[in-house]
Amino acid sequence: MPSGVETLPSRPATKDDREFVLRTVQPALLGLADGSISTLAPLFAAAVATQRSHVALLVGLSAAIGAAISMGVSEALSDDGTLTGRGRPLRRGIVTGLGTLIGAGGHSLPFLISDYHTAMTVAVIVVALELLAIAWVRWRWFEGTSVASSIIQVTLAGAIVFAVGMVFGGA
């Protein structure tokens, strides 16, 4: 490897790093991935069916907020932290909920653009960037995850859910 090229650790090195991954990175990634992927179908179904940016925005934001609440509560209720060492439930729930809101809200915001075709184009680009960001976080923080496999896994899941939205929107 050329000198001066920094490599990122594949495994958290210290106990504090491992705790950070368990208590912050993992719940945030869970939220980002769920928010980014699970809300694609309703958002793009509404966009394609109505071809109205305002309707897509309302559906996207309501799905984002609903998913954030659901994921935050689910994460907080799933584990009190004593068995797994994953930390306090309220903190994990908040981190997961915020991650979900960011992941789901990101591809909803382009529909603030009133021109449907422009909004749709920007939203698709935002989805691609979200999926790449999720793949990067997985590669950066989780041992044994290659960039290529992470991109393929995340993109495949996103593409399937996106296709569901397109099919239902066109029905």
Protein backbone atom coordinates (compact mmCIF):
# COMPACT_ATOMS: atom_id res chain seq x y z
CA MET A 1 0.00 0.00 0.00
CA PRO A 2 1.43 3.44 -0.87
CA SER A 3 2.72 5.43 2.07
CA GLY A 4 0.48 8.24 3.25
CA VAL A 5 -2.70 6.32 2.43
CA GLU A 6 -4.81 5.98 5.54
CA THR A 7 -6.81 2.83 6.01
CA LEU A 8 -9.90 2.77 8.12
CA PRO A 9 -10.15 0.17 10.87
CA SER A 10 -12.34 -2.81 10.05
CA ARG A 11 -13.10 -3.44 13.71
CA PRO A 12 -13.62 -1.01 16.57
CA ALA A 13 -10.29 -1.02 18.41
CA THR A 14 -11.21 -0.17 21.99
CA LYS A 15 -14.02 -0.96 24.39
CA ASP A 16 -15.25 2.62 23.96
CA ASP A 17 -15.27 2.16 20.18
CA ARG A 18 -17.23 -1.09 20.49
CA GLU A 19 -19.74 0.56 22.82
CA PHE A 20 -20.08 3.48 20.39
CA VAL A 21 -20.84 1.03 17.58
CA LEU A 22 -23.39 -0.90 19.67
CA ARG A 23 -25.08 2.13 21.21
CA THR A 24 -24.91 4.69 18.42
CA VAL A 25 -23.72 3.45 15.02
CA GLN A 26 -25.83 0.27 14.91
CA PRO A 27 -29.13 1.93 15.96
CA ALA A 28 -28.45 4.91 13.67
CA LEU A 29 -27.68 2.60 10.74
CA LEU A 30 -30.81 0.58 11.49
CA GLY A 31 -32.86 3.77 11.33
CA LEU A 32 -31.15 5.15 8.23
CA ALA A 33 -31.55 1.89 6.34
CA ASP A 34 -35.15 1.36 7.39
CA GLY A 35 -36.10 4.96 6.72
CA SER A 36 -34.38 5.08 3.37
CA ILE A 37 -35.68 1.76 2.11
CA SER A 38 -39.09 1.20 3.71
CA THR A 39 -40.57 4.55 2.72
CA LEU A 40 -39.62 4.33 -0.96
CA ALA A 41 -42.73 2.39 -1.96
CA PRO A 42 -45.38 4.72 -0.52
CA LEU A 43 -43.53 7.87 -1.57
CA PHE A 44 -42.92 6.85 -5.17
CA ALA A 45 -46.32 5.18 -5.52
CA ALA A 46 -47.97 8.47 -4.52
CA ALA A 47 -45.66 10.45 -6.79
CA VAL A 48 -46.27 8.26 -9.84
CA ALA A 49 -50.01 7.86 -9.23
CA THR A 50 -50.75 11.55 -8.79
CA GLN A 51 -47.81 13.21 -10.55
CA ARG A 52 -48.21 15.97 -7.98
CA SER A 53 -45.20 16.97 -5.93
CA HIS A 54 -47.32 18.28 -3.06
CA VAL A 55 -49.12 14.94 -2.61
CA ALA A 56 -45.82 13.02 -2.76
CA LEU A 57 -44.33 15.38 -0.18
CA LEU A 58 -47.23 14.86 2.23
CA VAL A 59 -47.13 11.08 1.81
CA GLY A 60 -43.33 11.02 2.14
CA LEU A 61 -43.21 13.20 5.25
CA SER A 62 -46.08 11.37 6.93
CA ALA A 63 -44.37 8.03 6.18
CA ALA A 64 -41.06 9.45 7.49
CA ILE A 65 -42.55 10.69 10.75
CA GLY A 66 -44.64 7.54 11.26
CA ALA A 67 -41.67 5.29 10.54
CA ALA A 68 -39.42 7.32 12.87
CA ILE A 69 -41.89 6.98 15.74
CA SER A 70 -42.43 3.28 15.04
CA MET A 71 -38.74 2.45 14.75
CA GLY A 72 -37.79 4.52 17.78
CA VAL A 73 -40.40 2.87 19.97
CA SER A 74 -39.61 -0.60 18.62
CA GLU A 75 -35.90 -0.19 19.29
CA ALA A 76 -36.50 1.18 22.78
CA LEU A 77 -38.83 -1.70 23.64
CA SER A 78 -36.69 -4.44 22.06
CA ASP A 79 -33.94 -4.62 24.69
CA ASP A 80 -33.32 -3.03 28.09
CA GLY A 81 -29.59 -3.15 27.37
CA THR A 82 -28.58 -5.43 30.23
CA LEU A 83 -28.49 -8.66 28.24
CA THR A 84 -26.81 -7.36 25.09
CA GLY A 85 -24.86 -4.36 26.41
CA ARG A 86 -26.48 -2.17 23.79
CA GLY A 87 -27.07 0.67 26.19
CA ARG A 88 -30.07 2.53 27.44
CA PRO A 89 -33.32 1.87 25.56
CA LEU A 90 -34.40 5.53 25.45
CA ARG A 91 -31.09 6.62 23.90
CA ARG A 92 -31.15 3.81 21.32
CA GLY A 93 -34.78 4.59 20.53
CA ILE A 94 -34.01 8.27 19.97
CA VAL A 95 -30.96 7.48 17.81
CA THR A 96 -32.91 4.93 15.74
CA GLY A 97 -35.90 7.26 15.38
CA LEU A 98 -33.73 10.17 14.26
CA GLY A 99 -31.87 7.93 11.82
CA THR A 100 -35.19 6.77 10.40
CA LEU A 101 -36.47 10.32 10.08
CA ILE A 102 -33.31 11.42 8.27
CA GLY A 103 -33.33 8.39 5.97
CA ALA A 104 -37.02 8.71 5.10
CA GLY A 105 -37.20 12.47 5.06
CA GLY A 106 -34.24 12.93 2.76
CA HIS A 107 -35.91 11.58 -0.35
CA SER A 108 -39.21 13.25 0.53
CA LEU A 109 -37.79 16.78 0.56
CA PRO A 110 -37.14 17.00 -3.21
CA PHE A 111 -40.91 17.07 -3.60
CA LEU A 112 -40.82 20.61 -2.21
CA ILE A 113 -39.96 21.37 -5.86
CA SER A 114 -43.28 22.06 -7.52
CA ASP A 115 -42.33 20.69 -10.94
CA TYR A 116 -43.07 16.97 -10.67
CA HIS A 117 -40.45 15.78 -13.18
CA THR A 118 -37.66 17.82 -11.60
CA ALA A 119 -38.69 16.70 -8.12
CA MET A 120 -38.77 13.07 -9.21
CA THR A 121 -35.32 13.30 -10.78
CA VAL A 122 -33.84 14.93 -7.67
CA ALA A 123 -35.57 12.39 -5.39
CA VAL A 124 -34.09 9.46 -7.33
CA ILE A 125 -30.61 11.03 -7.06
CA VAL A 126 -31.13 11.56 -3.32
CA VAL A 127 -32.16 7.90 -2.92
CA ALA A 128 -28.97 6.79 -4.70
CA LEU A 129 -26.86 9.00 -2.43
CA GLU A 130 -28.67 7.70 0.67
CA LEU A 131 -28.04 4.09 -0.31
CA LEU A 132 -24.35 4.82 -0.96
CA ALA A 133 -24.08 6.54 2.44
CA ILE A 134 -25.62 3.51 4.16
CA ALA A 135 -23.21 1.20 2.33
CA TRP A 136 -20.28 3.39 3.41
CA VAL A 137 -21.35 3.35 7.08
CA ARG A 138 -21.67 -0.44 6.96
CA TRP A 139 -18.20 -0.72 5.41
CA ARG A 140 -16.66 1.78 7.83
CA TRP A 141 -17.97 0.32 11.07
CA PHE A 142 -18.70 -3.37 10.57
CA GLU A 143 -15.97 -5.96 10.20
CA GLY A 144 -15.98 -8.12 7.14
CA THR A 145 -18.24 -5.84 5.12
CA SER A 146 -16.75 -4.94 1.76
CA VAL A 147 -17.80 -1.78 -0.01
CA ALA A 148 -18.94 -3.76 -3.06
CA SER A 149 -21.07 -6.27 -1.14
CA SER A 150 -22.57 -3.51 0.97
CA ILE A 151 -23.49 -1.44 -2.08
CA ILE A 152 -25.01 -4.49 -3.78
CA GLN A 153 -27.05 -5.53 -0.73
CA VAL A 154 -28.35 -2.05 0.08
CA THR A 155 -29.00 -1.14 -3.56
CA LEU A 156 -30.79 -4.41 -4.28
CA ALA A 157 -33.12 -3.91 -1.32
CA GLY A 158 -33.75 -0.29 -2.31
CA ALA A 159 -34.38 -1.23 -5.94
CA ILE A 160 -36.92 -3.88 -4.99
CA VAL A 161 -38.88 -1.52 -2.74
CA PHE A 162 -38.62 1.30 -5.32
CA ALA A 163 -40.01 -1.08 -7.97
CA VAL A 164 -42.94 -1.95 -5.69
CA GLY A 165 -43.74 1.76 -5.41
CA MET A 166 -43.51 2.25 -9.17
CA VAL A 167 -45.75 -0.77 -9.86
CA PHE A 168 -48.42 0.30 -7.36
CA GLY A 169 -48.20 3.93 -8.46
CA GLY A 170 -48.76 2.94 -12.06
CA ALA A 171 -51.65 0.59 -11.27
